[in-house]
C-alpha atoms as a PDB file:
ATOM      1  CA  ALA A   1       0.000   0.000   0.000  1.00  0.00           C
ATOM      2  CA  PHE A   2       2.836   2.412   0.851  1.00  0.00           C
ATOM      3  CA  SER A   3       4.684   1.699  -2.402  1.00  0.00           C
ATOM      4  CA  ALA A   4       1.461   2.174  -4.400  1.00  0.00           C
ATOM      5  CA  LEU A   5       0.778   5.580  -2.799  1.00  0.00           C
ATOM      6  CA  VAL A   6       4.354   6.719  -3.355  1.00  0.00           C
ATOM      7  CA  GLY A   7       4.108   5.550  -6.948  1.00  0.00           C
ATOM      8  CA  LEU A   8       0.963   7.641  -7.522  1.00  0.00           C
ATOM      9  CA  ALA A   9       2.652  10.696  -6.027  1.00  0.00           C
ATOM     10  CA  VAL A  10       5.752  10.237  -8.196  1.00  0.00           C
ATOM     11  CA  ALA A  11       3.653   9.718 -11.307  1.00  0.00           C
ATOM     12  CA  SER A  12       1.568  12.829 -10.697  1.00  0.00           C
ATOM     13  CA  LEU A  13       4.569  15.076  -9.984  1.00  0.00           C
ATOM     14  CA  ARG A  14       6.802  13.804 -12.784  1.00  0.00           C
ATOM     15  CA  HIS A  15       4.373  12.964 -15.557  1.00  0.00           C
ATOM     16  CA  ASP A  16       1.036  14.687 -15.008  1.00  0.00           C
ATOM     17  CA  LEU A  17       2.035  18.202 -13.959  1.00  0.00           C
ATOM     18  CA  PRO A  18       4.760  18.675 -16.641  1.00  0.00           C
ATOM     19  CA  ARG A  19       2.232  17.856 -19.358  1.00  0.00           C
ATOM     20  CA  ARG A  20      -0.105  20.608 -18.239  1.00  0.00           C
ATOM     21  CA  GLY A  21       0.402  24.218 -19.085  1.00  0.00           C
ATOM     22  CA  LEU A  22       0.737  26.741 -16.301  1.00  0.00           C
ATOM     23  CA  GLY A  23      -2.724  27.255 -14.939  1.00  0.00           C
ATOM     24  CA  LEU A  24      -5.145  26.334 -12.173  1.00  0.00           C
ATOM     25  CA  THR A  25      -3.600  22.916 -11.395  1.00  0.00           C
ATOM     26  CA  HIS A  26      -0.128  24.365 -10.831  1.00  0.00           C
ATOM     27  CA  ALA A  27      -1.531  27.269  -8.852  1.00  0.00           C
ATOM     28  CA  LEU A  28      -3.515  24.994  -6.519  1.00  0.00           C
ATOM     29  CA  THR A  29      -0.479  22.744  -6.022  1.00  0.00           C
ATOM     30  CA  ILE A  30       1.788  25.662  -5.116  1.00  0.00           C
ATOM     31  CA  VAL A  31      -0.832  27.210  -2.822  1.00  0.00           C
ATOM     32  CA  GLY A  32      -1.435  23.884  -1.018  1.00  0.00           C
ATOM     33  CA  LEU A  33       2.272  23.199  -0.490  1.00  0.00           C
ATOM     34  CA  SER A  34       2.904  26.762   0.639  1.00  0.00           C
ATOM     35  CA  ALA A  35      -0.011  26.720   3.076  1.00  0.00           C
ATOM     36  CA  GLY A  36       1.113  23.424   4.577  1.00  0.00           C
ATOM     37  CA  LEU A  37       4.688  24.683   4.970  1.00  0.00           C
ATOM     38  CA  LEU A  38       3.490  27.964   6.513  1.00  0.00           C
ATOM     39  CA  LEU A  39       1.290  26.186   9.060  1.00  0.00           C
ATOM     40  CA  ALA A  40       4.085  23.792  10.006  1.00  0.00           C
ATOM     41  CA  VAL A  41       6.586  26.623  10.483  1.00  0.00           C
ATOM     42  CA  ALA A  42       4.128  28.813  12.394  1.00  0.00           C
ATOM     43  CA  GLY A  43       3.208  25.972  14.731  1.00  0.00           C
ATOM     44  CA  LEU A  44       6.624  24.454  15.392  1.00  0.00           C
ATOM     45  CA  VAL A  45       9.211  27.215  15.257  1.00  0.00           C
ATOM     46  CA  PRO A  46       7.994  29.291  18.259  1.00  0.00           C
ATOM     47  CA  SER A  47       7.796  26.203  20.483  1.00  0.00           C
ATOM     48  CA  LEU A  48      11.166  24.933  19.332  1.00  0.00           C
ATOM     49  CA  TRP A  49      12.748  28.356  19.792  1.00  0.00           C
ATOM     50  CA  HIS A  50      11.488  28.659  23.388  1.00  0.00           C
ATOM     51  CA  GLY A  51      12.222  25.018  24.226  1.00  0.00           C
ATOM     52  CA  ALA A  52       8.579  24.297  24.995  1.00  0.00           C
ATOM     53  CA  TRP A  53       7.993  21.532  22.483  1.00  0.00           C
ATOM     54  CA  ALA A  54       6.656  18.477  24.352  1.00  0.00           C
ATOM     55  CA  PRO A  55       4.747  16.045  22.084  1.00  0.00           C
ATOM     56  CA  GLY A  56       1.884  14.357  23.906  1.00  0.00           C
ATOM     57  CA  GLU A  57       1.951  16.677  26.893  1.00  0.00           C
ATOM     58  CA  GLY A  58      -1.479  16.986  28.457  1.00  0.00           C
ATOM     59  CA  GLY A  59      -2.739  13.754  26.906  1.00  0.00           C
ATOM     60  CA  THR A  60      -3.669  10.500  28.571  1.00  0.00           C
ATOM     61  CA  THR A  61      -0.786   8.490  27.125  1.00  0.00           C
ATOM     62  CA  ALA A  62       2.399   7.855  29.084  1.00  0.00           C
ATOM     63  CA  ASP A  63       5.255  10.294  28.572  1.00  0.00           C
ATOM     64  CA  ALA A  64       8.353   9.214  26.693  1.00  0.00           C
ATOM     65  CA  ARG A  65      10.534   9.351  29.817  1.00  0.00           C
ATOM     66  CA  THR A  66       8.381   6.787  31.644  1.00  0.00           C
ATOM     67  CA  VAL A  67       8.331   4.405  28.690  1.00  0.00           C
ATOM     68  CA  SER A  68      12.093   4.803  28.234  1.00  0.00           C
ATOM     69  CA  GLN A  69      12.662   3.998  31.918  1.00  0.00           C
ATOM     70  CA  ILE A  70      10.641   0.790  31.644  1.00  0.00           C
ATOM     71  CA  ASP A  71      12.327  -0.176  28.372  1.00  0.00           C
ATOM     72  CA  SER A  72      15.748   0.196  29.983  1.00  0.00           C
ATOM     73  CA  VAL A  73      14.774  -2.163  32.824  1.00  0.00           C
ATOM     74  CA  LEU A  74      13.394  -4.743  30.404  1.00  0.00           C
ATOM     75  CA  GLY A  75      16.412  -4.393  28.125  1.00  0.00           C
ATOM     76  CA  ALA A  76      18.821  -5.038  31.004  1.00  0.00           C
ATOM     77  CA  ALA A  77      16.814  -8.113  32.001  1.00  0.00           C
ATOM     78  CA  GLY A  78      16.863  -9.337  28.413  1.00  0.00           C
ATOM     79  CA  GLN A  79      20.658  -9.237  28.314  1.00  0.00           C
ATOM     80  CA  GLN A  80      20.770 -11.619  31.265  1.00  0.00           C
ATOM     81  CA  ALA A  81      17.726 -13.831  30.739  1.00  0.00           C
ATOM     82  CA  GLY A  82      17.473 -13.897  26.948  1.00  0.00           C
ATOM     83  CA  GLN A  83      14.174 -13.768  25.102  1.00  0.00           C
ATOM     84  CA  PHE A  84      10.937 -13.177  27.017  1.00  0.00           C
ATOM     85  CA  ARG A  85       7.663 -11.335  26.606  1.00  0.00           C
ATOM     86  CA  ALA A  86       6.451  -8.335  28.579  1.00  0.00           C
ATOM     87  CA  LEU A  87       2.742  -7.644  29.096  1.00  0.00           C
ATOM     88  CA  TRP A  88       1.674  -3.986  29.214  1.00  0.00           C
ATOM     89  CA  ILE A  89      -1.659  -3.353  30.965  1.00  0.00           C
ATOM     90  CA  GLY A  90      -3.531  -0.050  30.747  1.00  0.00           C
ATOM     91  CA  SER A  91      -4.788   2.457  28.206  1.00  0.00           C
ATOM     92  CA  LYS A  92      -1.956   4.921  28.911  1.00  0.00           C
ATOM     93  CA  TRP A  93       0.447   2.720  26.944  1.00  0.00           C
ATOM     94  CA  LEU A  94      -1.752   2.979  23.834  1.00  0.00           C
ATOM     95  CA  PRO A  95      -2.546   5.920  21.507  1.00  0.00           C
ATOM     96  CA  GLU A  96      -5.389   8.171  22.631  1.00  0.00           C
ATOM     97  CA  GLN A  97      -7.241   7.585  19.355  1.00  0.00           C
ATOM     98  CA  PRO A  98      -7.583   4.251  17.519  1.00  0.00           C
ATOM     99  CA  THR A  99      -5.261   3.860  14.546  1.00  0.00           C
ATOM    100  CA  PRO A 100      -5.369   1.580  11.502  1.00  0.00           C
ATOM    101  CA  THR A 101      -2.602  -0.515  13.105  1.00  0.00           C
ATOM    102  CA  ARG A 102      -4.496  -0.882  16.390  1.00  0.00           C
ATOM    103  CA  PHE A 103      -7.675  -2.678  15.376  1.00  0.00           C
ATOM    104  CA  VAL A 104      -7.944  -4.593  18.671  1.00  0.00           C
ATOM    105  CA  PRO A 105      -9.927  -2.776  21.406  1.00  0.00           C
ATOM    106  CA  ASN A 106      -7.899  -4.422  24.212  1.00  0.00           C
ATOM    107  CA  ASP A 107      -6.119  -2.243  26.750  1.00  0.00           C
ATOM    108  CA  PHE A 108      -3.031  -4.478  26.746  1.00  0.00           C
ATOM    109  CA  PHE A 109      -0.338  -5.689  24.369  1.00  0.00           C
ATOM    110  CA  LEU A 110       2.841  -7.789  24.342  1.00  0.00           C
ATOM    111  CA  THR A 111       6.409  -6.807  23.519  1.00  0.00           C
ATOM    112  CA  GLY A 112       9.874  -8.311  23.741  1.00  0.00           C
ATOM    113  CA  PRO A 113      12.741  -7.206  26.017  1.00  0.00           C
ATOM    114  CA  SER A 114      13.526  -4.223  23.770  1.00  0.00           C
ATOM    115  CA  GLY A 115      10.047  -2.722  24.125  1.00  0.00           C
ATOM    116  CA  GLN A 116       7.577  -1.954  21.397  1.00  0.00           C
ATOM    117  CA  GLU A 117       8.909  -2.379  17.872  1.00  0.00           C
ATOM    118  CA  LEU A 118       7.533  -1.679  14.418  1.00  0.00           C
ATOM    119  CA  SER A 119       6.403  -5.287  13.934  1.00  0.00           C
ATOM    120  CA  ASP A 120       4.315  -5.071  17.139  1.00  0.00           C
ATOM    121  CA  LEU A 121       2.190  -2.290  15.620  1.00  0.00           C
ATOM    122  CA  PHE A 122       0.852  -4.618  12.927  1.00  0.00           C
ATOM    123  CA  ALA A 123       0.176  -7.654  15.136  1.00  0.00           C
ATOM    124  CA  GLY A 124      -3.451  -8.722  14.778  1.00  0.00           C
ATOM    125  CA  ASP A 125      -5.592 -10.546  17.327  1.00  0.00           C
ATOM    126  CA  GLN A 126      -6.380 -13.940  15.845  1.00  0.00           C
ATOM    127  CA  GLY A 127      -5.988 -17.644  16.501  1.00  0.00           C
ATOM    128  CA  VAL A 128      -6.297 -19.913  19.510  1.00  0.00           C
ATOM    129  CA  GLY A 129      -3.253 -18.393  21.189  1.00  0.00           C
ATOM    130  CA  ASP A 130      -4.768 -14.915  21.320  1.00  0.00           C
ATOM    131  CA  GLU A 131      -8.100 -16.300  22.491  1.00  0.00           C
ATOM    132  CA  ALA A 132      -6.451 -18.212  25.350  1.00  0.00           C
ATOM    133  CA  PHE A 133      -4.359 -15.208  26.329  1.00  0.00           C
ATOM    134  CA  ASP A 134      -7.413 -12.921  26.350  1.00  0.00           C
ATOM    135  CA  ARG A 135      -9.213 -15.340  28.676  1.00  0.00           C
ATOM    136  CA  ILE A 136      -6.317 -15.361  31.134  1.00  0.00           C
ATOM    137  CA  VAL A 137      -6.078 -11.563  31.274  1.00  0.00           C
ATOM    138  CA  SER A 138      -9.849 -11.366  31.702  1.00  0.00           C
ATOM    139  CA  SER A 139      -9.802 -13.917  34.543  1.00  0.00           C
ATOM    140  CA  ILE A 140      -7.161 -11.869  36.356  1.00  0.00           C
ATOM    141  CA  GLU A 141      -8.957  -8.565  35.919  1.00  0.00           C
ATOM    142  CA  THR A 142     -12.300 -10.016  37.025  1.00  0.00           C
ATOM    143  CA  GLY A 143     -10.733 -11.618  40.110  1.00  0.00           C
ATOM    144  CA  THR A 144     -11.578 -15.220  39.222  1.00  0.00           C
ATOM    145  CA  THR A 145      -7.960 -16.319  39.763  1.00  0.00           C
ATOM    146  CA  ASP A 146      -5.094 -15.226  41.987  1.00  0.00           C
ATOM    147  CA  ARG A 147      -2.465 -17.350  40.188  1.00  0.00           C
ATOM    148  CA  GLY A 148      -2.388 -15.465  36.926  1.00  0.00           C
ATOM    149  CA  GLY A 149       1.384 -15.277  36.883  1.00  0.00           C
ATOM    150  CA  SER A 150       1.701 -19.045  36.439  1.00  0.00           C
ATOM    151  CA  LEU A 151      -0.742 -18.990  33.544  1.00  0.00           C
ATOM    152  CA  LEU A 152       0.953 -16.026  31.888  1.00  0.00           C
ATOM    153  CA  SER A 153       4.304 -17.787  32.202  1.00  0.00           C
ATOM    154  CA  ALA A 154       3.101 -20.398  29.690  1.00  0.00           C
ATOM    155  CA  PHE A 155       3.227 -17.607  27.091  1.00  0.00           C
ATOM    156  CA  ASN A 156       6.859 -16.780  27.934  1.00  0.00           C
ATOM    157  CA  VAL A 157       5.707 -13.672  29.841  1.00  0.00           C
ATOM    158  CA  ALA A 158       8.342 -12.678  32.408  1.00  0.00           C
ATOM    159  CA  TYR A 159       7.292  -9.092  33.245  1.00  0.00           C
ATOM    160  CA  VAL A 160       3.981  -7.249  33.570  1.00  0.00           C
ATOM    161  CA  VAL A 161       3.791  -3.453  33.364  1.00  0.00           C
ATOM    162  CA  VAL A 162       0.582  -2.123  34.926  1.00  0.00           C
ATOM    163  CA  GLN A 163      -0.910   1.351  34.855  1.00  0.00           C
ATOM    164  CA  PRO A 164      -1.662   2.593  38.404  1.00  0.00           C
ATOM    165  CA  GLY A 165      -5.288   3.145  39.307  1.00  0.00           C
ATOM    166  CA  ARG A 166      -8.382   1.105  40.039  1.00  0.00           C
ATOM    167  CA  GLY A 167      -7.488  -1.434  37.348  1.00  0.00           C
ATOM    168  CA  ALA A 168      -4.236  -2.308  39.130  1.00  0.00           C
ATOM    169  CA  ALA A 169      -5.928  -3.889  42.182  1.00  0.00           C
ATOM    170  CA  PRO A 170      -6.460  -7.383  40.648  1.00  0.00           C
ATOM    171  CA  TRP A 171      -2.824  -7.492  39.565  1.00  0.00           C
ATOM    172  CA  LEU A 172      -1.619  -6.538  43.033  1.00  0.00           C
ATOM    173  CA  ALA A 173      -3.722  -9.409  44.412  1.00  0.00           C
ATOM    174  CA  GLN A 174      -1.976 -12.126  42.371  1.00  0.00           C
ATOM    175  CA  ARG A 175       0.025 -14.470  44.609  1.00  0.00           C
ATOM    176  CA  ASP A 176       2.592 -15.419  41.987  1.00  0.00           C
ATOM    177  CA  LEU A 177       3.445 -11.924  40.710  1.00  0.00           C
ATOM    178  CA  THR A 178       6.361 -10.177  42.437  1.00  0.00           C
ATOM    179  CA  LEU A 179       6.216  -6.382  42.533  1.00  0.00           C
ATOM    180  CA  THR A 180       9.805  -5.409  41.688  1.00  0.00           C
ATOM    181  CA  ARG A 181       9.351  -1.685  41.047  1.00  0.00           C
ATOM    182  CA  SER A 182       6.637   0.746  42.076  1.00  0.00           C
ATOM    183  CA  ALA A 183       6.336   4.350  40.907  1.00  0.00           C
ATOM    184  CA  SER A 184       3.603   6.940  40.554  1.00  0.00           C
ATOM    185  CA  SER A 185       3.393   6.208  36.833  1.00  0.00           C
ATOM    186  CA  PHE A 186       3.689   2.397  36.687  1.00  0.00           C
ATOM    187  CA  TYR A 187       3.935  -0.924  38.535  1.00  0.00           C
ATOM    188  CA  LEU A 188       6.433  -3.512  37.322  1.00  0.00           C
ATOM    189  CA  PHE A 189       5.755  -7.163  38.222  1.00  0.00           C
ATOM    190  CA  GLN A 190       8.060 -10.109  37.612  1.00  0.00           C
ATOM    191  CA  ILE A 191       7.214 -13.785  37.048  1.00  0.00           C
ATOM    192  CA  ASP A 192       9.953 -15.943  38.534  1.00  0.00           C
ATOM    193  CA  SER A 193      10.007 -18.978  36.209  1.00  0.00           C
ATOM    194  CA  PRO A 194       8.430 -18.301  32.816  1.00  0.00           C
ATOM    195  CA  ILE A 195       8.396 -21.086  30.273  1.00  0.00           C
ATOM    196  CA  ALA A 196      11.147 -20.632  27.690  1.00  0.00           C
ATOM    197  CA  ARG A 197      10.206 -19.465  24.220  1.00  0.00           C
ATOM    198  CA  ALA A 198      11.356 -22.901  23.037  1.00  0.00           C
ATOM    199  CA  GLY A 199      12.406 -25.674  25.408  1.00  0.00           C
ATOM    200  CA  VAL A 200      12.948 -29.418  25.801  1.00  0.00           C
ATOM    201  CA  TYR A 201      11.075 -31.165  28.644  1.00  0.00           C
ATOM    202  CA  ASN A 202      10.673 -34.603  30.147  1.00  0.00           C
ATOM    203  CA  GLU A 203       6.917 -34.001  29.899  1.00  0.00           C
ATOM    204  CA  LEU A 204       4.748 -31.143  28.737  1.00  0.00           C
ATOM    205  CA  PRO A 205       4.604 -28.279  31.289  1.00  0.00           C
ATOM    206  CA  SER A 206       1.516 -28.332  33.480  1.00  0.00           C
ATOM    207  CA  TYR A 207       0.860 -24.702  32.588  1.00  0.00           C
ATOM    208  CA  VAL A 208       0.008 -25.804  29.056  1.00  0.00           C
ATOM    209  CA  THR A 209      -2.468 -28.391  30.345  1.00  0.00           C
ATOM    210  CA  ALA A 210      -3.927 -25.894  32.806  1.00  0.00           C
ATOM    211  CA  ILE A 211      -4.727 -23.431  30.026  1.00  0.00           C
ATOM    212  CA  ALA A 212      -6.117 -26.113  27.709  1.00  0.00           C
ATOM    213  CA  GLN A 213      -8.395 -27.506  30.452  1.00  0.00           C
ATOM    214  CA  ASN A 214      -9.074 -24.146  32.130  1.00  0.00           C
ATOM    215  CA  LYS A 215      -7.812 -25.494  35.480  1.00  0.00           C
ATOM    216  CA  PRO A 216      -5.283 -23.067  36.993  1.00  0.00           C
ATOM    217  CA  ASP A 217      -4.999 -25.157  40.174  1.00  0.00           C
ATOM    218  CA  ILE A 218      -2.981 -27.882  38.405  1.00  0.00           C
ATOM    219  CA  THR A 219      -0.049 -25.595  37.601  1.00  0.00           C
ATOM    220  CA  SER A 220       3.348 -26.406  39.076  1.00  0.00           C
ATOM    221  CA  ASP A 221       6.949 -25.346  38.624  1.00  0.00           C
ATOM    222  CA  THR A 222       8.785 -26.496  35.471  1.00  0.00           C
ATOM    223  CA  ALA A 223      12.168 -26.851  37.193  1.00  0.00           C
ATOM    224  CA  GLY A 224      11.839 -30.632  37.520  1.00  0.00           C
ATOM    225  CA  ILE A 225      10.890 -31.296  33.901  1.00  0.00           C
ATOM    226  CA  GLU A 226      12.822 -28.675  31.930  1.00  0.00           C
ATOM    227  CA  ARG A 227      15.971 -30.098  30.357  1.00  0.00           C
ATOM    228  CA  LYS A 228      17.200 -27.560  27.834  1.00  0.00           C
ATOM    229  CA  VAL A 229      16.331 -24.154  26.416  1.00  0.00           C
ATOM    230  CA  ALA A 230      16.662 -23.866  22.649  1.00  0.00           C
ATOM    231  CA  ASP A 231      18.747 -21.020  21.267  1.00  0.00           C
ATOM    232  CA  GLN A 232      16.828 -18.596  19.061  1.00  0.00           C
ATOM    233  CA  GLN A 233      18.653 -18.015  15.774  1.00  0.00           C
ATOM    234  CA  SER A 234      15.966 -15.821  14.214  1.00  0.00           C
ATOM    235  CA  ALA A 235      12.263 -15.110  14.518  1.00  0.00           C
ATOM    236  CA  SER A 236      11.527 -18.376  12.699  1.00  0.00           C
ATOM    237  CA  ALA A 237      14.350 -20.702  13.766  1.00  0.00           C
ATOM    238  CA  TYR A 238      15.561 -22.323  17.014  1.00  0.00           C
ATOM    239  CA  ILE A 239      18.455 -24.745  17.563  1.00  0.00           C
ATOM    240  CA  GLU A 240      19.602 -26.856  20.521  1.00  0.00           C
ATOM    241  CA  LYS A 241      22.608 -29.171  20.527  1.00  0.00           C
ATOM    242  CA  SER A 242      22.683 -32.842  21.610  1.00  0.00           C
ATOM    243  CA  VAL A 243      19.035 -33.648  22.351  1.00  0.00           C
ATOM    244  CA  THR A 244      18.004 -37.203  23.248  1.00  0.00           C
ATOM    245  CA  GLY A 245      14.617 -38.868  23.583  1.00  0.00           C
ATOM    246  CA  PRO A 246      12.174 -39.565  24.949  1.00  0.00           C
ATOM    247  CA  GLY A 247      10.782 -36.112  25.775  1.00  0.00           C
ATOM    248  CA  TYR A 248       8.811 -33.184  24.446  1.00  0.00           C
ATOM    249  CA  VAL A 249       9.505 -29.885  22.735  1.00  0.00           C
ATOM    250  CA  PHE A 250       7.218 -26.946  23.477  1.00  0.00           C
ATOM    251  CA  LEU A 251       7.347 -23.743  21.467  1.00  0.00           C
ATOM    252  CA  ALA A 252       5.499 -20.779  23.002  1.00  0.00           C
ATOM    253  CA  GLU A 253       4.300 -19.428  19.669  1.00  0.00           C
ATOM    254  CA  GLN A 254       0.808 -19.421  18.209  1.00  0.00           C
ATOM    255  CA  ARG A 255      -0.150 -22.904  17.027  1.00  0.00           C
ATOM    256  CA  SER A 256       0.499 -23.227  13.326  1.00  0.00           C
ATOM    257  CA  SER A 257       1.165 -26.085  10.935  1.00  0.00           C
ATOM    258  CA  GLY A 258       4.029 -24.022   9.507  1.00  0.00           C
ATOM    259  CA  TRP A 259       6.253 -24.889  12.488  1.00  0.00           C
ATOM    260  CA  GLU A 260       8.333 -28.039  11.951  1.00  0.00           C
ATOM    261  CA  ALA A 261      10.742 -29.825  14.311  1.00  0.00           C
ATOM    262  CA  SER A 262      13.400 -32.483  13.896  1.00  0.00           C
ATOM    263  CA  VAL A 263      16.091 -34.172  15.982  1.00  0.00           C
ATOM    264  CA  GLY A 264      19.025 -35.075  13.792  1.00  0.00           C
ATOM    265  CA  ASP A 265      17.514 -36.238  10.521  1.00  0.00           C
ATOM    266  CA  GLU A 266      14.309 -37.514  12.128  1.00  0.00           C
ATOM    267  CA  PRO A 267      11.229 -35.258  11.883  1.00  0.00           C
ATOM    268  CA  LEU A 268       9.141 -35.013  15.051  1.00  0.00           C
ATOM    269  CA  HIS A 269       5.404 -35.619  15.208  1.00  0.00           C
ATOM    270  CA  ARG A 270       3.112 -33.106  16.810  1.00  0.00           C
ATOM    271  CA  ALA A 271       1.681 -33.567  20.300  1.00  0.00           C
ATOM    272  CA  ASP A 272      -1.271 -31.807  21.922  1.00  0.00           C
ATOM    273  CA  GLY A 273       0.217 -28.465  22.947  1.00  0.00           C
ATOM    274  CA  GLY A 274      -3.005 -26.517  23.368  1.00  0.00           C
ATOM    275  CA  TRP A 275      -2.557 -22.989  22.057  1.00  0.00           C
ATOM    276  CA  GLY A 276       1.178 -23.519  21.322  1.00  0.00           C
ATOM    277  CA  ASN A 277       3.288 -25.971  19.345  1.00  0.00           C
ATOM    278  CA  ALA A 278       4.331 -29.254  20.971  1.00  0.00           C
ATOM    279  CA  PHE A 279       6.352 -32.119  19.489  1.00  0.00           C
ATOM    280  CA  ALA A 280       7.113 -35.570  20.890  1.00  0.00           C
ATOM    281  CA  ILE A 281      10.719 -36.780  20.884  1.00  0.00           C
ATOM    282  CA  PRO A 282      10.658 -40.587  20.481  1.00  0.00           C
ATOM    283  CA  LYS A 283      12.813 -42.919  22.529  1.00  0.00           C
ATOM    284  CA  GLY A 284      16.201 -43.464  20.951  1.00  0.00           C
ATOM    285  CA  ALA A 285      16.216 -40.164  19.057  1.00  0.00           C
ATOM    286  CA  ARG A 286      19.552 -38.382  19.292  1.00  0.00           C
ATOM    287  CA  GLY A 287      21.036 -35.305  17.629  1.00  0.00           C
ATOM    288  CA  ASP A 288      20.608 -31.565  17.290  1.00  0.00           C
ATOM    289  CA  LEU A 289      17.108 -30.092  17.617  1.00  0.00           C
ATOM    290  CA  PHE A 290      15.933 -27.828  14.807  1.00  0.00           C
ATOM    291  CA  LEU A 291      12.721 -25.780  15.005  1.00  0.00           C
ATOM    292  CA  ARG A 292      11.783 -23.875  11.870  1.00  0.00           C
ATOM    293  CA  TYR A 293       8.838 -22.044  10.405  1.00  0.00           C
ATOM    294  CA  GLY A 294       8.717 -22.994   6.741  1.00  0.00           C
ATOM    295  CA  ARG A 295       8.239 -20.195   4.256  1.00  0.00           C
ATOM    296  CA  ARG A 296       5.283 -20.846   1.992  1.00  0.00           C
ATOM    297  CA  THR A 297       5.461 -20.161  -1.741  1.00  0.00           C
ATOM    298  CA  ALA A 298       2.729 -17.498  -1.554  1.00  0.00           C
ATOM    299  CA  SER A 299       4.627 -15.604   1.160  1.00  0.00           C
ATOM    300  CA  LEU A 300       7.859 -15.655  -0.828  1.00  0.00           C
ATOM    301  CA  LEU A 301       6.075 -14.445  -3.974  1.00  0.00           C
ATOM    302  CA  LEU A 302       4.468 -11.605  -2.001  1.00  0.00           C
ATOM    303  CA  ILE A 303       7.859 -10.479  -0.661  1.00  0.00           C
ATOM    304  CA  ILE A 304       9.317 -10.558  -4.192  1.00  0.00           C
ATOM    305  CA  VAL A 305       6.404  -8.545  -5.619  1.00  0.00           C
ATOM    306  CA  ILE A 306       6.672  -5.903  -2.882  1.00  0.00           C
ATOM    307  CA  THR A 307      10.436  -5.621  -3.409  1.00  0.00           C
ATOM    308  CA  LEU A 308      10.023  -5.200  -7.167  1.00  0.00           C
ATOM    309  CA  ALA A 309       7.314  -2.572  -6.602  1.00  0.00           C
ATOM    310  CA  TRP A 310       9.664  -0.524  -4.408  1.00  0.00           C
ATOM    311  CA  ILE A 311      12.455  -0.827  -7.002  1.00  0.00           C
ATOM    312  CA  VAL A 312      10.123   0.497  -9.696  1.00  0.00           C
ATOM    313  CA  VAL A 313       8.933   3.385  -7.512  1.00  0.00           C
ATOM    314  CA  ILE A 314      12.450   4.439  -6.454  1.00  0.00           C
ATOM    315  CA  GLY A 315      13.723   4.095 -10.000  1.00  0.00           C
ATOM    316  CA  ALA A 316      10.901   6.294 -11.324  1.00  0.00           C
ATOM    317  CA  ALA A 317      11.535   8.897  -8.639  1.00  0.00           C
ATOM    318  CA  PHE A 318      15.179   9.377  -9.631  1.00  0.00           C
ATOM    319  CA  SER A 319      14.940   8.850 -13.382  1.00  0.00           C
ATOM    320  CA  ARG A 320      15.403  11.701 -15.843  1.00  0.00           C
ATOM    321  CA  ARG A 321      12.825  12.443 -18.498  1.00  0.00           C
ATOM    322  CA  SER A 322      14.393  12.659 -21.928  1.00  0.00           C
ATOM    323  CA  ARG A 323      12.843  15.111 -24.335  1.00  0.00           C
ATOM    324  CA  PRO A 324      12.739  14.087 -27.999  1.00  0.00           C
ATOM    325  CA  GLU A 325      14.991  16.141 -30.227  1.00  0.00           C
ATOM    326  CA  ARG A 326      13.224  18.341 -32.710  1.00  0.00           C
ATOM    327  CA  THR A 327      14.206  17.866 -36.326  1.00  0.00           C
ATOM    328  CA  THR A 328      13.802  20.446 -39.023  1.00  0.00           C
ATOM    329  CA  ALA A 329      12.933  19.511 -42.565  1.00  0.00           C
END
C-alpha cells in the first residue's frame, strides 16, 4: 500500500504536472504546499525556539521518559535472561485515538525485552493463542484467579507493566506476581520462572495443560521437567545441541502447521500443545534439535512482488525524463 501511494505521487509530480500548461492545477499545487509549509513553520518554530515543544503533553498516554525507563529495565533483564515477553496493561500505553494498526480494542499488548517495535504495531488478534491469552487476562482482571502469573508464564511472559489506578488492584492481588518496582506512573511485576520461548522437557509443562483444560490449580513449577532451552537463531528458527529422547519440545508461539521440528535427521510428530506448538521426541532419538517455520510459496512471492514494486517506484523517482529532439525539414 505504501509503495502504491508513493508511486501515484511520483507519477503525478513527474508525468502529469509537466504535461499541463501553467494554470489552475499548478496554482492549486503551489498554494497547497505553501499553506502546509506555513502552518508547520508557524506551529513548530515558536515552540522549538522557546524550548517548549513536548509532544503528547497533556494527553492521557504515558510520557516518553516513563516508557524509556521501563524499556531500559526490560532491556537489562533481556541481556541476562534472553528472550521473554512483557505484558503492558492499561490504556496509557496505547494511543489516545484508535489507529489503523491498532484494530484490537484491548487495553493491553505484548512486547519483547527491547520494548515496542515496528512489527508489534501490525500484530493482529487472531488464533487460539490470542483467544487463550485474552481469557487469562480477563480472569485476572475479574478476580476469578489469583495465580495469573503461572498462567501467563506459559506464554513466555516474564514481566507485567501495569498502569496505576483502580485497574491495578487485581494485579496486586496475584500471589505469583512479584512487585519489583513501584512508581507513581507504573507498577512492574516479575514472574519468577516463565516457560522458555522454546524448550525441551521430560513431559509437557503443566501450565500448558492448565490453560487447555481451564484449570489453573494444576499448575506447578517447570524446574523438575525442563531439560534444555533452545537457542533462538531468528524469529523463525531455534536450535539446541545434543538432544536425546524420549521427551517433548514446546514452542510458546501461536499454534500453526508451519512450524516443523526435527532431531538429527528424524522429523518429530506433533503432540497436543493446546494454544502452542508441541512435538514428541521418540525414545532413541539423538542429535541436534531444529525448530523452523517454513516459508510458503505465496509468502515468498508476495515479498518478491513488494520488493520489485519498491524498485520500480524508487527508479521512477530518480529517473530523468528525456525530451525528444526536434528535427527540421
